[in-house]
N, C-alpha and C. Protein backbone atom coordinates (compact mmCIF):
# COMPACT_ATOMS: atom_id res chain seq x y z
N MET A 1 142.82 39.60 59.13
CA MET A 1 143.93 38.86 59.69
C MET A 1 143.43 38.13 60.93
N GLY A 2 143.74 36.82 61.08
CA GLY A 2 143.30 36.05 62.23
C GLY A 2 143.93 36.55 63.51
N THR A 3 143.29 36.24 64.63
CA THR A 3 143.78 36.69 65.93
C THR A 3 145.19 36.19 66.20
N GLY A 4 145.46 34.91 65.94
CA GLY A 4 146.79 34.34 66.17
C GLY A 4 147.86 35.05 65.36
N ARG A 5 147.56 35.31 64.09
CA ARG A 5 148.54 35.99 63.24
C ARG A 5 148.73 37.43 63.70
N PHE A 6 147.64 38.10 64.10
CA PHE A 6 147.73 39.47 64.60
C PHE A 6 148.63 39.53 65.83
N LEU A 7 148.44 38.58 66.78
CA LEU A 7 149.26 38.57 68.00
C LEU A 7 150.73 38.29 67.67
N ALA A 8 150.99 37.39 66.74
CA ALA A 8 152.36 37.08 66.36
C ALA A 8 153.03 38.29 65.72
N VAL A 9 152.33 38.98 64.83
CA VAL A 9 152.88 40.17 64.19
C VAL A 9 153.11 41.27 65.22
N THR A 10 152.17 41.44 66.14
CA THR A 10 152.31 42.46 67.18
C THR A 10 153.52 42.16 68.06
N LEU A 11 153.70 40.90 68.45
CA LEU A 11 154.83 40.51 69.28
C LEU A 11 156.15 40.75 68.55
N LEU A 12 156.23 40.33 67.30
CA LEU A 12 157.46 40.53 66.53
C LEU A 12 157.77 42.01 66.34
N THR A 13 156.75 42.82 66.11
CA THR A 13 156.95 44.27 65.96
C THR A 13 157.48 44.86 67.25
N ALA A 14 156.92 44.45 68.39
CA ALA A 14 157.38 44.97 69.67
C ALA A 14 158.82 44.56 69.95
N LEU A 15 159.16 43.31 69.63
CA LEU A 15 160.51 42.84 69.86
C LEU A 15 161.51 43.56 68.96
N ALA A 16 161.13 43.78 67.71
CA ALA A 16 162.00 44.50 66.78
C ALA A 16 162.23 45.93 67.25
N ALA A 17 161.26 46.49 67.94
CA ALA A 17 161.38 47.86 68.43
C ALA A 17 162.16 47.91 69.75
N GLY A 18 162.62 46.76 70.24
CA GLY A 18 163.45 46.73 71.44
C GLY A 18 162.66 46.62 72.73
N ALA A 19 161.47 46.09 72.67
CA ALA A 19 160.67 45.95 73.89
C ALA A 19 161.39 45.06 74.88
N SER A 20 161.44 45.48 76.13
CA SER A 20 162.05 44.64 77.16
C SER A 20 161.02 43.75 77.82
N ALA A 21 159.76 44.06 77.64
CA ALA A 21 158.70 43.19 78.15
C ALA A 21 157.46 43.42 77.30
N PHE A 22 156.75 42.35 77.03
CA PHE A 22 155.55 42.46 76.21
C PHE A 22 154.57 41.41 76.68
N LEU A 23 153.37 41.81 76.92
CA LEU A 23 152.35 40.92 77.44
C LEU A 23 151.27 40.71 76.39
N ILE A 24 150.84 39.45 76.21
CA ILE A 24 149.77 39.14 75.27
C ILE A 24 148.59 38.60 76.06
N GLY A 25 147.43 39.10 75.77
CA GLY A 25 146.20 38.56 76.32
C GLY A 25 146.15 38.58 77.82
N ALA A 26 145.78 37.45 78.41
CA ALA A 26 145.53 37.36 79.84
C ALA A 26 146.79 36.99 80.61
N GLY A 27 147.96 37.28 80.10
CA GLY A 27 149.17 37.01 80.84
C GLY A 27 149.73 35.63 80.60
N THR A 28 149.59 35.10 79.39
CA THR A 28 150.10 33.77 79.15
C THR A 28 151.38 33.74 78.34
N ALA A 29 151.81 34.87 77.81
CA ALA A 29 153.07 34.86 77.06
C ALA A 29 153.67 36.25 77.04
N HIS A 30 154.97 36.32 77.11
CA HIS A 30 155.68 37.58 76.95
C HIS A 30 157.10 37.28 76.54
N ALA A 31 157.82 38.29 76.16
CA ALA A 31 159.22 38.12 75.78
C ALA A 31 160.02 39.23 76.41
N ARG A 32 161.28 38.97 76.69
CA ARG A 32 162.14 40.01 77.24
C ARG A 32 163.50 39.91 76.60
N SER A 33 164.19 41.03 76.54
CA SER A 33 165.53 41.05 75.99
C SER A 33 166.51 40.51 77.00
N THR A 34 167.53 39.82 76.54
CA THR A 34 168.60 39.38 77.41
C THR A 34 169.72 40.40 77.33
N THR A 35 170.71 40.30 78.20
CA THR A 35 171.82 41.25 78.17
C THR A 35 172.66 41.07 76.91
N GLY A 36 172.61 39.89 76.30
CA GLY A 36 173.37 39.63 75.09
C GLY A 36 172.65 40.09 73.83
N GLY A 37 171.48 40.70 73.98
CA GLY A 37 170.76 41.19 72.82
C GLY A 37 169.79 40.19 72.22
N GLY A 38 169.82 38.92 72.66
CA GLY A 38 168.88 37.93 72.16
C GLY A 38 167.55 38.06 72.87
N VAL A 39 166.61 37.23 72.50
CA VAL A 39 165.29 37.26 73.12
C VAL A 39 164.98 35.89 73.68
N ILE A 40 164.46 35.85 74.88
CA ILE A 40 164.05 34.62 75.52
C ILE A 40 162.53 34.65 75.66
N ALA A 41 161.85 33.64 75.15
CA ALA A 41 160.40 33.56 75.33
C ALA A 41 160.13 32.97 76.70
N GLU A 42 159.16 33.52 77.39
CA GLU A 42 158.78 33.04 78.71
C GLU A 42 157.26 32.95 78.78
N ALA A 43 156.78 32.22 79.74
CA ALA A 43 155.34 32.15 79.96
C ALA A 43 155.07 32.34 81.44
N PHE A 44 153.95 32.93 81.73
CA PHE A 44 153.48 32.99 83.10
C PHE A 44 151.97 33.09 83.06
N GLY A 45 151.34 32.59 84.07
CA GLY A 45 149.90 32.67 84.09
C GLY A 45 149.31 31.81 85.17
N ASN A 46 148.00 31.66 85.10
CA ASN A 46 147.23 30.93 86.09
C ASN A 46 146.16 30.12 85.36
N GLN A 47 145.96 28.91 85.81
CA GLN A 47 144.88 28.08 85.29
C GLN A 47 144.16 27.44 86.47
N GLN A 48 142.87 27.30 86.35
CA GLN A 48 142.07 26.63 87.37
C GLN A 48 141.66 25.27 86.84
N ILE A 49 141.88 24.23 87.64
CA ILE A 49 141.48 22.88 87.25
C ILE A 49 140.59 22.30 88.35
N SER A 50 139.72 21.39 87.97
CA SER A 50 138.84 20.76 88.95
C SER A 50 138.54 19.33 88.54
N SER A 51 138.27 18.48 89.55
CA SER A 51 137.98 17.09 89.26
C SER A 51 137.05 16.51 90.32
N SER A 52 136.30 15.52 89.90
CA SER A 52 135.43 14.74 90.79
C SER A 52 136.25 13.63 91.43
N PRO A 53 135.75 12.98 92.46
CA PRO A 53 136.48 11.86 93.07
C PRO A 53 136.85 10.79 92.05
N GLY A 54 138.13 10.36 92.11
CA GLY A 54 138.62 9.33 91.22
C GLY A 54 138.95 9.80 89.81
N VAL A 55 139.00 11.13 89.61
CA VAL A 55 139.22 11.69 88.28
C VAL A 55 140.48 12.57 88.28
N TYR A 56 141.21 12.57 87.16
CA TYR A 56 142.37 13.43 86.96
C TYR A 56 141.94 14.74 86.28
N ALA A 57 142.71 15.80 86.52
CA ALA A 57 142.55 17.06 85.80
C ALA A 57 143.95 17.60 85.57
N GLN A 58 144.15 18.36 84.48
CA GLN A 58 145.48 18.89 84.21
C GLN A 58 145.41 20.23 83.49
N THR A 59 146.52 20.95 83.58
CA THR A 59 146.66 22.22 82.87
C THR A 59 147.12 21.94 81.45
N THR A 60 147.21 22.98 80.66
CA THR A 60 147.85 22.87 79.36
C THR A 60 149.36 22.86 79.58
N SER A 61 150.12 22.50 78.58
CA SER A 61 151.58 22.51 78.66
C SER A 61 152.08 23.94 78.55
N GLU A 62 153.01 24.30 79.44
CA GLU A 62 153.54 25.66 79.49
C GLU A 62 155.03 25.64 79.79
N TYR A 63 155.77 26.57 79.19
CA TYR A 63 157.18 26.74 79.55
C TYR A 63 157.24 27.40 80.92
N SER A 64 158.06 26.84 81.82
CA SER A 64 158.15 27.42 83.16
C SER A 64 159.38 26.92 83.89
N THR A 65 159.68 27.61 84.99
CA THR A 65 160.71 27.17 85.93
C THR A 65 160.14 27.05 87.34
N SER A 66 158.88 27.44 87.52
CA SER A 66 158.26 27.26 88.83
C SER A 66 156.77 27.04 88.69
N TRP A 67 156.25 26.21 89.57
CA TRP A 67 154.83 25.91 89.65
C TRP A 67 154.39 26.10 91.09
N SER A 68 153.25 26.72 91.30
CA SER A 68 152.67 26.82 92.63
C SER A 68 151.16 26.68 92.49
N TRP A 69 150.52 26.17 93.52
CA TRP A 69 149.09 25.95 93.44
C TRP A 69 148.47 26.10 94.83
N SER A 70 147.21 26.46 94.82
CA SER A 70 146.44 26.57 96.05
C SER A 70 145.10 25.90 95.82
N GLN A 71 144.52 25.43 96.90
CA GLN A 71 143.25 24.72 96.81
C GLN A 71 142.12 25.72 97.04
N LEU A 72 141.22 25.82 96.08
CA LEU A 72 140.09 26.73 96.18
C LEU A 72 138.86 26.06 96.80
N SER A 73 138.86 24.74 96.79
CA SER A 73 137.75 23.99 97.39
C SER A 73 138.08 23.73 98.87
N ALA A 74 137.27 22.93 99.52
CA ALA A 74 137.59 22.50 100.89
C ALA A 74 138.87 21.68 100.86
N SER A 75 139.37 21.31 102.01
CA SER A 75 140.65 20.58 102.11
C SER A 75 140.50 19.12 101.74
N TYR A 76 140.37 18.86 100.44
CA TYR A 76 140.18 17.51 99.94
C TYR A 76 141.51 16.83 99.66
N ASP A 77 141.51 15.52 99.77
CA ASP A 77 142.66 14.66 99.53
C ASP A 77 142.95 14.58 98.02
N TYR A 78 144.21 14.85 97.63
CA TYR A 78 144.58 14.74 96.21
C TYR A 78 146.06 14.43 96.04
N TYR A 79 146.39 13.89 94.89
CA TYR A 79 147.77 13.68 94.46
C TYR A 79 148.08 14.72 93.39
N TRP A 80 149.31 15.20 93.33
CA TRP A 80 149.70 16.17 92.30
C TRP A 80 150.94 15.66 91.57
N TYR A 81 151.09 16.10 90.32
CA TYR A 81 152.19 15.68 89.46
C TYR A 81 152.61 16.84 88.57
N ILE A 82 153.89 16.92 88.29
CA ILE A 82 154.40 17.85 87.26
C ILE A 82 155.12 16.99 86.23
N PHE A 83 154.63 17.04 85.01
CA PHE A 83 155.18 16.26 83.90
C PHE A 83 155.83 17.18 82.87
N GLN A 84 156.92 16.72 82.27
CA GLN A 84 157.42 17.39 81.07
C GLN A 84 156.44 17.09 79.96
N SER A 85 156.43 17.92 78.93
CA SER A 85 155.47 17.73 77.85
C SER A 85 155.63 16.38 77.14
N ASN A 86 156.82 15.75 77.26
CA ASN A 86 157.02 14.43 76.64
C ASN A 86 156.51 13.29 77.52
N GLY A 87 155.90 13.63 78.69
CA GLY A 87 155.34 12.62 79.57
C GLY A 87 156.24 12.18 80.71
N THR A 88 157.47 12.70 80.78
CA THR A 88 158.38 12.35 81.86
C THR A 88 157.94 13.00 83.16
N LEU A 89 157.77 12.20 84.20
CA LEU A 89 157.39 12.72 85.51
C LEU A 89 158.57 13.45 86.13
N THR A 90 158.37 14.71 86.52
CA THR A 90 159.43 15.53 87.11
C THR A 90 159.29 15.63 88.62
N ALA A 91 158.08 15.75 89.13
CA ALA A 91 157.84 15.87 90.57
C ALA A 91 156.43 15.38 90.87
N SER A 92 156.22 14.92 92.09
CA SER A 92 154.88 14.47 92.49
C SER A 92 154.77 14.50 94.00
N GLY A 93 153.54 14.42 94.48
CA GLY A 93 153.32 14.40 95.91
C GLY A 93 151.87 14.10 96.24
N HIS A 94 151.60 13.98 97.53
CA HIS A 94 150.27 13.65 98.02
C HIS A 94 149.91 14.67 99.09
N ARG A 95 148.71 15.23 99.01
CA ARG A 95 148.20 16.19 99.99
C ARG A 95 146.95 15.60 100.63
N PRO A 96 147.10 14.68 101.61
CA PRO A 96 145.93 14.02 102.20
C PRO A 96 145.01 14.98 102.94
N SER A 97 145.55 16.10 103.42
CA SER A 97 144.73 17.08 104.12
C SER A 97 144.49 18.33 103.28
N GLY A 98 144.72 18.22 101.98
CA GLY A 98 144.50 19.35 101.07
C GLY A 98 145.58 20.40 101.19
N GLY A 99 145.28 21.59 100.67
CA GLY A 99 146.22 22.70 100.69
C GLY A 99 146.99 22.82 99.40
N GLY A 100 147.92 23.76 99.36
CA GLY A 100 148.71 24.02 98.17
C GLY A 100 150.17 23.66 98.39
N ASP A 101 150.97 24.01 97.41
CA ASP A 101 152.41 23.73 97.47
C ASP A 101 153.08 24.45 96.31
N SER A 102 154.37 24.26 96.16
CA SER A 102 155.09 24.84 95.03
C SER A 102 156.33 24.02 94.75
N ARG A 103 156.82 24.13 93.53
CA ARG A 103 158.04 23.44 93.11
C ARG A 103 158.78 24.28 92.09
N THR A 104 160.11 24.27 92.19
CA THR A 104 160.96 24.89 91.18
C THR A 104 161.49 23.77 90.30
N VAL A 105 161.48 23.99 89.00
CA VAL A 105 161.92 22.98 88.04
C VAL A 105 162.89 23.62 87.04
N ALA A 106 163.67 22.81 86.36
CA ALA A 106 164.55 23.33 85.31
C ALA A 106 163.68 23.84 84.16
N GLY A 107 164.11 24.90 83.50
CA GLY A 107 163.33 25.47 82.40
C GLY A 107 163.00 24.45 81.34
N ASN A 108 161.71 24.25 81.10
CA ASN A 108 161.25 23.28 80.10
C ASN A 108 159.74 23.48 79.94
N VAL A 109 159.13 22.69 79.07
CA VAL A 109 157.68 22.73 78.89
C VAL A 109 157.08 21.63 79.75
N TYR A 110 156.17 22.03 80.65
CA TYR A 110 155.56 21.12 81.61
C TYR A 110 154.05 21.28 81.62
N TYR A 111 153.38 20.31 82.25
CA TYR A 111 151.98 20.48 82.62
C TYR A 111 151.80 19.95 84.03
N PHE A 112 150.82 20.50 84.72
CA PHE A 112 150.51 20.12 86.09
C PHE A 112 149.26 19.24 86.05
N LYS A 113 149.27 18.18 86.85
CA LYS A 113 148.14 17.25 86.86
C LYS A 113 147.80 16.90 88.30
N GLU A 114 146.51 16.72 88.57
CA GLU A 114 146.09 16.30 89.91
C GLU A 114 145.09 15.16 89.81
N TYR A 115 145.05 14.36 90.87
CA TYR A 115 144.10 13.25 90.98
C TYR A 115 143.29 13.45 92.25
N ASN A 116 141.98 13.53 92.14
CA ASN A 116 141.10 13.70 93.29
C ASN A 116 140.97 12.35 94.00
N ASN A 117 141.53 12.26 95.22
CA ASN A 117 141.57 11.00 95.95
C ASN A 117 140.44 10.88 97.00
N GLU A 118 139.41 11.67 96.84
CA GLU A 118 138.27 11.59 97.76
C GLU A 118 137.47 10.32 97.46
N PRO A 119 136.71 9.82 98.45
CA PRO A 119 135.93 8.59 98.23
C PRO A 119 134.89 8.74 97.11
N ALA A 120 134.74 7.69 96.33
CA ALA A 120 133.74 7.68 95.26
C ALA A 120 132.37 7.95 95.87
N GLY A 121 131.58 8.74 95.19
CA GLY A 121 130.23 9.04 95.65
C GLY A 121 130.16 10.17 96.66
N SER A 122 131.30 10.70 97.08
CA SER A 122 131.29 11.78 98.08
C SER A 122 130.84 13.11 97.48
N GLY A 123 131.01 13.24 96.17
CA GLY A 123 130.65 14.49 95.51
C GLY A 123 131.62 15.63 95.78
N HIS A 124 132.77 15.34 96.38
CA HIS A 124 133.77 16.37 96.71
C HIS A 124 134.56 16.77 95.47
N ILE A 125 134.24 17.92 94.91
CA ILE A 125 134.93 18.44 93.72
C ILE A 125 136.18 19.19 94.18
N ASN A 126 137.34 18.72 93.75
CA ASN A 126 138.59 19.38 94.11
C ASN A 126 138.89 20.47 93.08
N VAL A 127 139.15 21.67 93.54
CA VAL A 127 139.44 22.80 92.66
C VAL A 127 140.78 23.39 93.06
N LEU A 128 141.70 23.47 92.10
CA LEU A 128 143.02 24.03 92.33
C LEU A 128 143.26 25.23 91.43
N SER A 129 143.91 26.25 91.97
CA SER A 129 144.38 27.39 91.19
C SER A 129 145.88 27.18 91.00
N VAL A 130 146.32 27.04 89.75
CA VAL A 130 147.70 26.67 89.45
C VAL A 130 148.40 27.84 88.75
N ASP A 131 149.53 28.27 89.30
CA ASP A 131 150.34 29.35 88.71
C ASP A 131 151.64 28.76 88.16
N TYR A 132 152.09 29.28 87.03
CA TYR A 132 153.38 28.89 86.46
C TYR A 132 154.09 30.16 86.04
N CYS A 133 155.39 30.08 86.08
CA CYS A 133 156.16 31.27 85.76
C CYS A 133 157.50 30.94 85.15
N CYS A 134 157.93 31.76 84.33
CA CYS A 134 159.25 31.95 83.74
C CYS A 134 159.98 30.68 83.45
C-alpha cells in the first residue's frame, strides 16, 4: 500500500474511532471533532523559504486562519504577500529593516510569498521561517 493511501486509511480509521485530534507526519495535517459531531480538517505547520536578491520564494498552499513568520537570516529588506490559492491577494507588506510579522485571515487555502528586495549582487540570501495554523 502506498504511503499516501496508508495515511488516508489511518486518518479515516482514527476519525471513525472518534479521535478528537490526529497528527500525520511532521505536523502538516490533523482533524478534530466538532461539537456537532462533524469533522473539520485543519492544517498547521512550518515551512522555511529562502531567496536571493530580486527573487521570489513561496510556501505550498495550506488551509489556515493565521500566518506568522520570522527572519532567520540577517535583517534584510523584503516584501511579503499572502495569497488565496486562486491567486487573490489577501494581505501584503514591506519590511525594509527585516524582521517577522503575523496576520489573521478568514479560513481558506493560502500560500505565503516573499520577495527579496536587497540590491542585486549583494549576495544577501533572505531566509524566513513561516508558520500557518488552523
